[in-house]
Amino acid sequence: MRRKRRNHLPAFKAKVALSAIKGDQSLAELSERFDVHANQIQDWKKHLQDQAVSVFGSGQDKIQSDESALKTLHA
């Protein structure tokens, strides 16, 4: 019997991807530990690495747009 399709929370995905990035355990060990297929772990790890720039880079853009909006309001 096939297992019902599961939806994982973003916090869980981040936890698994960070564990994969650490490299303390193999993909097989992580797969068994978190009960997730190894391919899924690789996908989440790649997605986290690709999106890491936006986590740190978006703050400056937001600050600059907030400052320009504030100047417009003061005018």
Protein backbone atom coordinates (compact mmCIF):
# COMPACT_ATOMS: atom_id res chain seq x y z
CA MET A 1 0.00 0.00 0.00
CA ARG A 2 1.33 3.42 -0.94
CA ARG A 3 1.84 6.08 1.67
CA LYS A 4 -0.37 9.13 1.47
CA ARG A 5 1.32 12.21 0.02
CA ARG A 6 2.77 14.40 2.79
CA ASN A 7 3.19 18.15 2.99
CA HIS A 8 6.13 19.33 5.07
CA LEU A 9 6.28 22.61 6.92
CA PRO A 10 8.93 25.13 5.84
CA ALA A 11 10.61 24.89 9.26
CA PHE A 12 11.02 21.13 8.82
CA LYS A 13 12.44 21.57 5.32
CA ALA A 14 14.94 24.14 6.60
CA LYS A 15 15.98 21.84 9.45
CA VAL A 16 16.59 18.92 7.08
CA ALA A 17 18.41 21.09 4.51
CA LEU A 18 20.68 22.62 7.15
CA SER A 19 21.50 19.16 8.45
CA ALA A 20 22.42 18.13 4.90
CA ILE A 21 24.62 21.20 4.46
CA LYS A 22 26.48 20.47 7.70
CA GLY A 23 27.61 17.15 6.22
CA ASP A 24 27.86 15.35 9.57
CA GLN A 25 25.68 12.54 8.27
CA SER A 26 25.26 10.92 4.88
CA LEU A 27 22.11 11.38 2.81
CA ALA A 28 21.07 7.83 3.64
CA GLU A 29 21.37 8.54 7.36
CA LEU A 30 19.45 11.79 7.06
CA SER A 31 16.80 10.08 4.97
CA GLU A 32 16.29 7.45 7.63
CA ARG A 33 16.42 9.96 10.50
CA PHE A 34 13.84 12.34 9.02
CA ASP A 35 11.84 9.73 7.05
CA VAL A 36 12.26 11.67 3.79
CA HIS A 37 13.63 10.39 0.48
CA ALA A 38 17.27 11.31 -0.25
CA ASN A 39 16.34 13.02 -3.52
CA GLN A 40 13.95 15.29 -1.63
CA ILE A 41 16.72 16.21 0.81
CA GLN A 42 19.02 17.09 -2.09
CA ASP A 43 16.31 19.28 -3.63
CA TRP A 44 15.72 21.15 -0.36
CA LYS A 45 19.46 21.58 0.15
CA LYS A 46 19.91 23.01 -3.35
CA HIS A 47 16.91 25.31 -2.89
CA LEU A 48 18.30 26.59 0.41
CA GLN A 49 21.70 27.26 -1.12
CA ASP A 50 20.15 29.06 -4.11
CA GLN A 51 17.89 31.23 -1.94
CA ALA A 52 20.46 32.03 0.78
CA VAL A 53 21.51 35.20 -1.06
CA SER A 54 17.98 36.58 -0.89
CA VAL A 55 17.90 36.07 2.88
CA PHE A 56 20.88 38.34 3.42
CA GLY A 57 20.50 40.61 0.41
CA SER A 58 16.88 41.68 0.77
CA GLY A 59 17.42 43.73 3.93
CA GLN A 60 19.32 46.54 2.19
CA ASP A 61 16.74 46.85 -0.56
CA LYS A 62 13.95 47.13 1.98
CA ILE A 63 15.82 49.73 4.05
CA GLN A 64 16.45 51.87 0.98
CA SER A 65 12.82 51.67 -0.15
CA ASP A 66 11.64 52.53 3.39
CA GLU A 67 13.94 55.57 3.49
CA SER A 68 12.69 56.83 0.12
CA ALA A 69 9.07 56.34 1.23
CA LEU A 70 9.81 58.23 4.43
CA LYS A 71 11.33 61.16 2.50
CA THR A 72 8.22 61.28 0.31
CA LEU A 73 5.98 61.35 3.36
CA HIS A 74 7.99 64.13 5.01
CA ALA A 75 7.80 66.22 1.83
